[in-house]
Amino acid sequence: MQTFSDMRRNSTYHQTLTPYLIFVIAIIYTSLASMTLTLSPLLGLGFYYIIYHIHDEQRYRDFVLIFLYALYVEIDRGLILLSFFFFTLIFYKLIFQSFQKYVHCQLCLIIAYVTIGYLGYYLFNLFLAYLFNVPLPIFTLNYLLFIVTDIFLALVFL
């Protein structure tokens, strides 16, 4: 029986496959979300995850998967490509340090980051659409539904 001891499964394989499995499920989910328009595209949740874990080097693979997911959402919903990536970088470079220094309540940070993630991303897309002379995105009440849904998901899962 000792000869087969090296054939046991290692739990680290599950830890490396989990982000990819979540990525595939998220792609399937966003395909369904684009058909109903009431399901959240989960961009605020992704924004919160990136901003909250920005200094953790072990999560960079997750960041790449989130940016690929956001790119898929942008293509699917007709938004300007790579705007989520550039909005996240601009937010981190200009606002994140001072915002993190003054707000210490974890619940407040979740609410603020998800809300900034959606509203700031919408305003950034509005600015880019005006700049590139493409049709402007329309702000609907679905954005408020998306914000509430993503805040709830962040509180439950993160």
Protein backbone atom coordinates (compact mmCIF):
# COMPACT_ATOMS: atom_id res chain seq x y z
CA MET A 1 0.00 0.00 0.00
CA GLN A 2 2.99 2.30 0.48
CA THR A 3 3.63 2.32 -3.24
CA PHE A 4 0.35 4.12 -3.84
CA SER A 5 0.81 6.80 -1.16
CA ASP A 6 1.97 9.36 -3.69
CA MET A 7 -1.26 8.97 -5.64
CA ARG A 8 -3.39 10.80 -3.09
CA ARG A 9 -4.96 14.03 -4.24
CA ASN A 10 -3.47 17.25 -3.09
CA SER A 11 -5.78 20.00 -1.82
CA THR A 12 -3.67 22.72 -3.46
CA TYR A 13 -4.94 21.63 -6.87
CA HIS A 14 -8.42 22.74 -5.85
CA GLN A 15 -7.11 26.12 -4.72
CA THR A 16 -5.51 26.80 -8.11
CA LEU A 17 -8.53 25.65 -10.08
CA THR A 18 -11.15 27.55 -8.08
CA PRO A 19 -10.55 31.01 -9.65
CA TYR A 20 -10.79 29.54 -13.14
CA LEU A 21 -13.99 27.71 -12.28
CA ILE A 22 -15.46 30.92 -10.84
CA PHE A 23 -14.38 32.75 -14.01
CA VAL A 24 -16.21 30.25 -16.24
CA ILE A 25 -19.32 30.44 -14.04
CA ALA A 26 -19.15 34.25 -14.15
CA ILE A 27 -18.95 34.24 -17.96
CA ILE A 28 -22.01 31.99 -18.13
CA TYR A 29 -23.78 34.20 -15.58
CA THR A 30 -23.07 37.41 -17.49
CA SER A 31 -24.35 35.81 -20.67
CA LEU A 32 -27.62 35.14 -18.85
CA ALA A 33 -27.55 38.60 -17.27
CA SER A 34 -27.32 40.28 -20.67
CA MET A 35 -30.56 38.57 -21.70
CA THR A 36 -32.62 39.73 -18.72
CA LEU A 37 -31.04 43.15 -17.99
CA THR A 38 -32.07 42.92 -14.33
CA LEU A 39 -29.24 40.64 -13.22
CA SER A 40 -26.15 42.49 -12.04
CA PRO A 41 -23.04 42.32 -14.24
CA LEU A 42 -21.01 42.07 -10.98
CA LEU A 43 -18.60 44.85 -11.95
CA GLY A 44 -18.96 46.57 -8.56
CA LEU A 45 -18.11 43.32 -6.83
CA GLY A 46 -15.03 42.91 -9.02
CA PHE A 47 -14.03 46.52 -8.39
CA TYR A 48 -14.33 46.04 -4.64
CA TYR A 49 -12.31 42.82 -4.76
CA ILE A 50 -9.51 44.47 -6.73
CA ILE A 51 -9.34 47.60 -4.58
CA TYR A 52 -9.56 45.71 -1.30
CA HIS A 53 -6.83 43.20 -2.21
CA ILE A 54 -4.63 45.48 -4.34
CA HIS A 55 -1.52 44.96 -2.21
CA ASP A 56 -1.74 41.15 -2.09
CA GLU A 57 0.62 39.82 -4.77
CA GLN A 58 -0.85 36.32 -4.59
CA ARG A 59 -4.16 37.61 -5.98
CA TYR A 60 -2.80 39.12 -9.21
CA ARG A 61 -4.05 36.11 -11.15
CA ASP A 62 -7.54 36.86 -9.83
CA PHE A 63 -7.16 40.48 -10.97
CA VAL A 64 -6.33 39.36 -14.49
CA LEU A 65 -9.38 37.11 -14.53
CA ILE A 66 -11.57 39.96 -13.25
CA PHE A 67 -10.25 42.28 -15.97
CA LEU A 68 -10.90 39.61 -18.60
CA TYR A 69 -14.41 39.22 -17.23
CA ALA A 70 -14.91 43.00 -17.31
CA LEU A 71 -13.67 43.04 -20.90
CA TYR A 72 -16.26 40.41 -21.78
CA VAL A 73 -18.99 42.45 -20.07
CA GLU A 74 -17.88 45.56 -21.95
CA ILE A 75 -18.06 43.72 -25.26
CA ASP A 76 -21.39 42.14 -24.37
CA ARG A 77 -23.06 45.37 -23.22
CA GLY A 78 -21.54 47.65 -25.86
CA LEU A 79 -19.38 49.71 -23.50
CA ILE A 80 -15.99 51.20 -24.33
CA LEU A 81 -13.31 48.53 -24.23
CA LEU A 82 -10.79 48.53 -21.36
CA SER A 83 -12.64 51.36 -19.60
CA PHE A 84 -13.02 49.27 -16.43
CA PHE A 85 -9.26 48.66 -16.37
CA PHE A 86 -8.42 52.34 -16.83
CA PHE A 87 -11.09 53.47 -14.36
CA THR A 88 -9.67 51.13 -11.72
CA LEU A 89 -6.13 52.41 -12.31
CA ILE A 90 -7.21 56.05 -12.19
CA PHE A 91 -9.22 55.47 -9.01
CA TYR A 92 -6.30 53.71 -7.36
CA LYS A 93 -3.75 56.37 -8.31
CA LEU A 94 -5.86 59.44 -7.52
CA ILE A 95 -8.42 58.61 -4.83
CA PHE A 96 -7.68 55.31 -3.10
CA GLN A 97 -4.88 56.39 -0.75
CA SER A 98 -6.72 59.35 0.76
CA PHE A 99 -10.03 57.49 0.89
CA GLN A 100 -8.47 54.50 2.68
CA LYS A 101 -6.81 56.79 5.20
CA TYR A 102 -10.02 58.51 6.37
CA VAL A 103 -12.60 55.70 6.32
CA HIS A 104 -12.07 52.83 8.77
CA CYS A 105 -15.50 51.19 8.88
CA GLN A 106 -15.42 47.93 6.86
CA LEU A 107 -19.14 48.03 6.05
CA CYS A 108 -18.81 51.64 4.92
CA LEU A 109 -15.88 50.68 2.66
CA ILE A 110 -17.88 47.89 1.02
CA ILE A 111 -20.80 50.21 0.35
CA ALA A 112 -18.53 53.02 -0.86
CA TYR A 113 -16.35 50.89 -3.15
CA VAL A 114 -19.26 49.10 -4.81
CA THR A 115 -21.13 52.38 -5.29
CA ILE A 116 -18.03 54.15 -6.60
CA GLY A 117 -17.36 51.13 -8.79
CA TYR A 118 -20.70 51.47 -10.59
CA LEU A 119 -21.29 55.21 -10.55
CA GLY A 120 -17.67 56.11 -11.26
CA TYR A 121 -17.49 53.54 -14.02
CA TYR A 122 -20.69 54.94 -15.55
CA LEU A 123 -19.35 58.51 -15.38
CA PHE A 124 -16.03 57.39 -16.85
CA ASN A 125 -17.86 55.66 -19.71
CA LEU A 126 -19.97 58.79 -20.18
CA PHE A 127 -16.82 60.89 -20.41
CA LEU A 128 -15.16 58.50 -22.87
CA ALA A 129 -18.31 58.26 -24.98
CA TYR A 130 -18.44 62.03 -25.22
CA LEU A 131 -14.72 62.19 -25.96
CA PHE A 132 -14.88 59.57 -28.75
CA ASN A 133 -18.23 60.82 -30.07
CA VAL A 134 -20.07 57.53 -29.63
CA PRO A 135 -23.63 57.12 -28.26
CA LEU A 136 -23.82 58.01 -24.59
CA PRO A 137 -24.71 55.28 -22.09
CA ILE A 138 -28.09 55.72 -20.47
CA PHE A 139 -28.39 55.75 -16.68
CA THR A 140 -31.37 53.68 -15.59
CA LEU A 141 -32.70 52.47 -12.26
CA ASN A 142 -31.06 49.13 -13.02
CA TYR A 143 -27.78 50.66 -11.83
CA LEU A 144 -29.29 51.12 -8.37
CA LEU A 145 -30.45 47.51 -8.43
CA PHE A 146 -26.94 46.46 -9.48
CA ILE A 147 -25.39 48.44 -6.62
CA VAL A 148 -27.71 46.93 -3.99
CA THR A 149 -27.21 43.42 -5.38
CA ASP A 150 -23.42 43.71 -5.43
CA ILE A 151 -23.30 45.18 -1.92
CA PHE A 152 -25.36 42.23 -0.69
CA LEU A 153 -23.10 39.74 -2.50
CA ALA A 154 -19.97 41.41 -1.14
CA LEU A 155 -21.32 41.24 2.40
CA VAL A 156 -22.25 37.56 2.03
CA PHE A 157 -19.31 36.16 0.05
CA LEU A 158 -16.37 38.43 0.71
